[in-house]
Amino acid sequence: AIDGALITLHTVGHVRAVHKGTVLASGQLDQAKVPVTDFRTETTAIDVKSKIKLRKLYQEAGLNCKPDEETVVAEQFVEYMTNLAAKAGGEPPLPESPKTTLLDPIRGLAGNEMLAAILKEHDELKERIGAWKGQAKLAEKRVPEWKTLSLLLEHARLIPEAAELQTEADAVRAERLLLEESDPLPPIRDKVVKLLR
């Protein structure tokens, strides 16, 4: 009877069930798991409309989420956002990676409390997904171009005229301009190529 009550409370979202470190989605808890599952009361209720909003946000991040799996995917979402921020910047000449301070308080929560915190920052998170994805894609394209330019400058180091071009490249690195809207690399690269030819 107690096992049945716990399963029912979990199914309707009144308790959170953690089995071997994994949050169980609604319907995943069965009688065999009850003795080795950690239960916590859910103090925050998330309505159906809010769950749909969450699933759409997860979809923006490329994460699939079935109904009643919002809590399980929430942790994956926070992890995805952290990794995306890391790819949207890095070592010079890339700009610094975006700060993830918005995610820090969310990361420390679990269950419906985590969902409520994500919902609270929904618009900001959605905006950051778009911005960070754009930066990550640009970085993926321009980092190899930067490596090519560095190699060309290395080959041209004995040509006196190349010193000025090396200074321009050094400025791109120092000021972390690689992801600027106007690509700073082609003008330098074209001049280096001309010198080498």
Protein backbone atom coordinates (compact mmCIF):
# COMPACT_ATOMS: atom_id res chain seq x y z
CA ALA A 1 0.00 0.00 0.00
CA ILE A 2 2.85 2.40 0.86
CA ASP A 3 4.67 1.54 -2.39
CA GLY A 4 1.46 2.16 -4.33
CA ALA A 5 0.94 5.50 -2.59
CA LEU A 6 4.51 6.60 -3.38
CA ILE A 7 4.14 5.58 -7.04
CA THR A 8 0.85 7.51 -7.26
CA LEU A 9 2.33 10.62 -5.59
CA HIS A 10 5.26 10.48 -8.01
CA THR A 11 3.00 10.03 -11.05
CA VAL A 12 0.92 13.10 -10.18
CA GLY A 13 4.04 15.18 -9.44
CA HIS A 14 3.80 15.59 -5.66
CA VAL A 15 7.12 13.85 -4.99
CA ARG A 16 10.43 13.71 -6.84
CA ALA A 17 12.06 10.28 -7.16
CA VAL A 18 15.84 9.87 -7.56
CA HIS A 19 16.99 6.34 -8.38
CA LYS A 20 20.79 5.72 -8.34
CA GLY A 21 21.46 9.43 -8.96
CA THR A 22 18.96 9.72 -11.83
CA VAL A 23 15.72 11.67 -11.58
CA LEU A 24 12.88 9.40 -12.66
CA ALA A 25 10.28 10.75 -15.06
CA SER A 26 6.59 10.18 -14.42
CA GLY A 27 5.78 6.52 -15.10
CA GLN A 28 9.36 5.26 -14.62
CA LEU A 29 8.92 4.38 -10.96
CA ASP A 30 7.82 0.82 -10.24
CA GLN A 31 7.56 -1.27 -7.08
CA ALA A 32 10.99 -2.87 -7.59
CA LYS A 33 12.69 0.56 -7.53
CA VAL A 34 10.84 1.93 -4.47
CA PRO A 35 13.17 0.48 -1.76
CA VAL A 36 16.31 1.95 -3.41
CA THR A 37 14.84 5.31 -4.47
CA ASP A 38 15.22 8.63 -2.70
CA PHE A 39 11.98 10.61 -2.42
CA ARG A 40 11.61 14.37 -1.93
CA THR A 41 8.41 16.43 -1.74
CA GLU A 42 7.75 18.81 -4.63
CA THR A 43 6.88 22.22 -3.24
CA THR A 44 6.41 23.86 -6.65
CA ALA A 45 3.69 22.89 -9.10
CA ILE A 46 4.24 23.19 -12.86
CA ASP A 47 1.08 23.36 -14.99
CA VAL A 48 0.60 21.82 -18.44
CA LYS A 49 1.01 25.15 -20.27
CA SER A 50 4.37 25.74 -18.56
CA LYS A 51 5.54 22.21 -19.42
CA ILE A 52 4.75 22.84 -23.10
CA LYS A 53 6.75 26.09 -22.89
CA LEU A 54 9.69 24.16 -21.42
CA ARG A 55 9.55 21.50 -24.11
CA LYS A 56 9.68 24.21 -26.79
CA LEU A 57 12.73 25.75 -25.11
CA TYR A 58 14.44 22.35 -24.99
CA GLN A 59 13.63 21.92 -28.67
CA GLU A 60 15.43 25.22 -29.43
CA ALA A 61 18.47 23.62 -27.84
CA GLY A 62 18.04 20.48 -29.97
CA LEU A 63 16.91 18.31 -27.05
CA ASN A 64 13.97 15.95 -27.46
CA CYS A 65 11.55 15.93 -24.55
CA LYS A 66 8.44 13.78 -24.28
CA PRO A 67 5.55 14.81 -22.01
CA ASP A 68 6.36 14.23 -18.31
CA GLU A 69 10.12 14.08 -18.99
CA GLU A 70 10.68 17.83 -18.45
CA THR A 71 12.53 17.29 -15.16
CA VAL A 72 14.89 14.68 -16.62
CA VAL A 73 15.73 16.84 -19.67
CA ALA A 74 16.18 19.97 -17.50
CA GLU A 75 19.60 18.76 -16.31
CA GLN A 76 20.62 17.97 -19.91
CA PHE A 77 19.48 21.47 -20.90
CA VAL A 78 21.67 23.16 -18.26
CA GLU A 79 24.62 21.00 -19.36
CA TYR A 80 23.96 21.86 -23.02
CA MET A 81 23.86 25.61 -22.26
CA THR A 82 27.15 25.39 -20.33
CA ASN A 83 28.87 23.57 -23.22
CA LEU A 84 27.39 25.97 -25.79
CA ALA A 85 28.77 28.96 -23.88
CA ALA A 86 32.23 27.33 -23.89
CA LYS A 87 32.07 26.91 -27.69
CA ALA A 88 30.95 30.53 -28.20
CA GLY A 89 34.34 31.87 -27.10
CA GLY A 90 37.70 30.71 -25.82
CA GLU A 91 41.38 31.55 -25.99
CA PRO A 92 42.52 34.63 -27.99
CA PRO A 93 41.87 35.57 -30.78
CA LEU A 94 38.38 34.35 -29.81
CA PRO A 95 36.45 36.57 -27.40
CA GLU A 96 36.03 35.31 -23.85
CA SER A 97 33.38 32.62 -23.46
CA PRO A 98 30.03 34.10 -22.39
CA LYS A 99 29.40 34.08 -18.64
CA THR A 100 27.05 31.36 -17.39
CA THR A 101 26.11 33.09 -14.12
CA LEU A 102 22.45 32.87 -15.15
CA LEU A 103 22.73 29.06 -15.03
CA ASP A 104 24.50 28.81 -11.65
CA PRO A 105 21.41 29.16 -9.42
CA ILE A 106 19.46 26.80 -11.71
CA ARG A 107 22.22 24.18 -11.56
CA GLY A 108 21.87 23.94 -7.77
CA LEU A 109 18.16 23.04 -7.94
CA ALA A 110 16.27 19.85 -8.76
CA GLY A 111 12.82 18.69 -9.78
CA ASN A 112 10.04 21.25 -10.16
CA GLU A 113 12.18 23.93 -8.49
CA MET A 114 14.66 23.62 -11.37
CA LEU A 115 11.82 23.79 -13.91
CA ALA A 116 10.39 26.90 -12.22
CA ALA A 117 13.82 28.58 -12.30
CA ILE A 118 14.23 27.79 -16.02
CA LEU A 119 10.74 29.16 -16.70
CA LYS A 120 11.59 32.34 -14.78
CA GLU A 121 14.60 32.95 -17.08
CA HIS A 122 12.86 31.52 -20.19
CA ASP A 123 13.13 34.59 -22.45
CA GLU A 124 16.74 35.31 -21.52
CA LEU A 125 17.73 31.66 -22.02
CA LYS A 126 15.99 31.51 -25.41
CA GLU A 127 17.83 34.65 -26.51
CA ARG A 128 21.16 33.24 -25.37
CA ILE A 129 20.63 29.96 -27.21
CA GLY A 130 20.34 31.90 -30.48
CA ALA A 131 23.27 34.22 -29.77
CA TRP A 132 25.62 31.49 -28.48
CA LYS A 133 24.75 29.11 -31.33
CA GLY A 134 25.62 31.88 -33.82
CA GLN A 135 28.95 32.59 -32.12
CA ALA A 136 29.82 28.88 -31.83
CA LYS A 137 29.11 28.36 -35.55
CA LEU A 138 31.23 31.37 -36.48
CA ALA A 139 34.08 30.17 -34.24
CA GLU A 140 33.95 26.74 -35.89
CA LYS A 141 34.42 28.44 -39.29
CA ARG A 142 37.02 31.06 -38.36
CA VAL A 143 39.38 29.17 -36.03
CA PRO A 144 40.73 27.02 -38.94
CA GLU A 145 41.09 30.21 -41.00
CA TRP A 146 43.12 31.76 -38.15
CA LYS A 147 45.39 28.69 -38.05
CA THR A 148 45.94 28.97 -41.82
CA LEU A 149 46.82 32.67 -41.48
CA SER A 150 49.26 31.90 -38.64
CA LEU A 151 50.94 29.27 -40.82
CA LEU A 152 51.21 31.66 -43.77
CA LEU A 153 52.73 34.36 -41.55
CA GLU A 154 55.22 31.81 -40.22
CA HIS A 155 56.34 31.08 -43.82
CA ALA A 156 56.58 34.82 -44.57
CA ARG A 157 58.53 35.80 -41.43
CA LEU A 158 61.78 36.46 -43.36
CA ILE A 159 60.09 38.84 -45.80
CA PRO A 160 60.50 42.40 -44.41
CA GLU A 161 57.06 43.56 -45.59
CA ALA A 162 55.42 40.75 -43.60
CA ALA A 163 56.25 42.43 -40.27
CA GLU A 164 53.40 44.92 -40.67
CA LEU A 165 50.96 42.10 -41.45
CA GLN A 166 52.15 40.16 -38.41
CA THR A 167 51.40 43.27 -36.31
CA GLU A 168 47.86 43.36 -37.73
CA ALA A 169 47.36 39.67 -36.90
CA ASP A 170 48.77 40.25 -33.40
CA ALA A 171 46.21 43.04 -32.91
CA VAL A 172 43.38 40.64 -33.88
CA ARG A 173 44.68 38.22 -31.23
CA ALA A 174 45.27 40.85 -28.53
CA GLU A 175 41.88 42.51 -29.01
CA ARG A 176 40.12 39.12 -29.48
CA LEU A 177 38.44 40.21 -32.72
CA LEU A 178 38.03 36.83 -34.44
CA LEU A 179 34.22 36.76 -34.16
CA GLU A 180 33.63 40.39 -35.20
CA GLU A 181 30.79 40.87 -37.68
CA SER A 182 33.28 42.09 -40.27
CA ASP A 183 35.80 39.24 -40.64
CA PRO A 184 39.27 40.72 -39.94
CA LEU A 185 41.22 37.82 -41.50
CA PRO A 186 40.72 37.95 -45.33
CA PRO A 187 42.45 41.34 -45.88
CA ILE A 188 45.54 40.19 -43.93
CA ARG A 189 45.55 36.72 -45.52
CA ASP A 190 45.28 38.10 -49.07
CA LYS A 191 48.27 40.40 -48.51
CA VAL A 192 50.37 37.58 -47.01
CA VAL A 193 49.52 35.27 -49.91
CA LYS A 194 50.52 38.00 -52.37
CA LEU A 195 53.85 38.48 -50.58
CA LEU A 196 54.58 34.75 -50.57
CA ARG A 197 53.80 34.46 -54.26
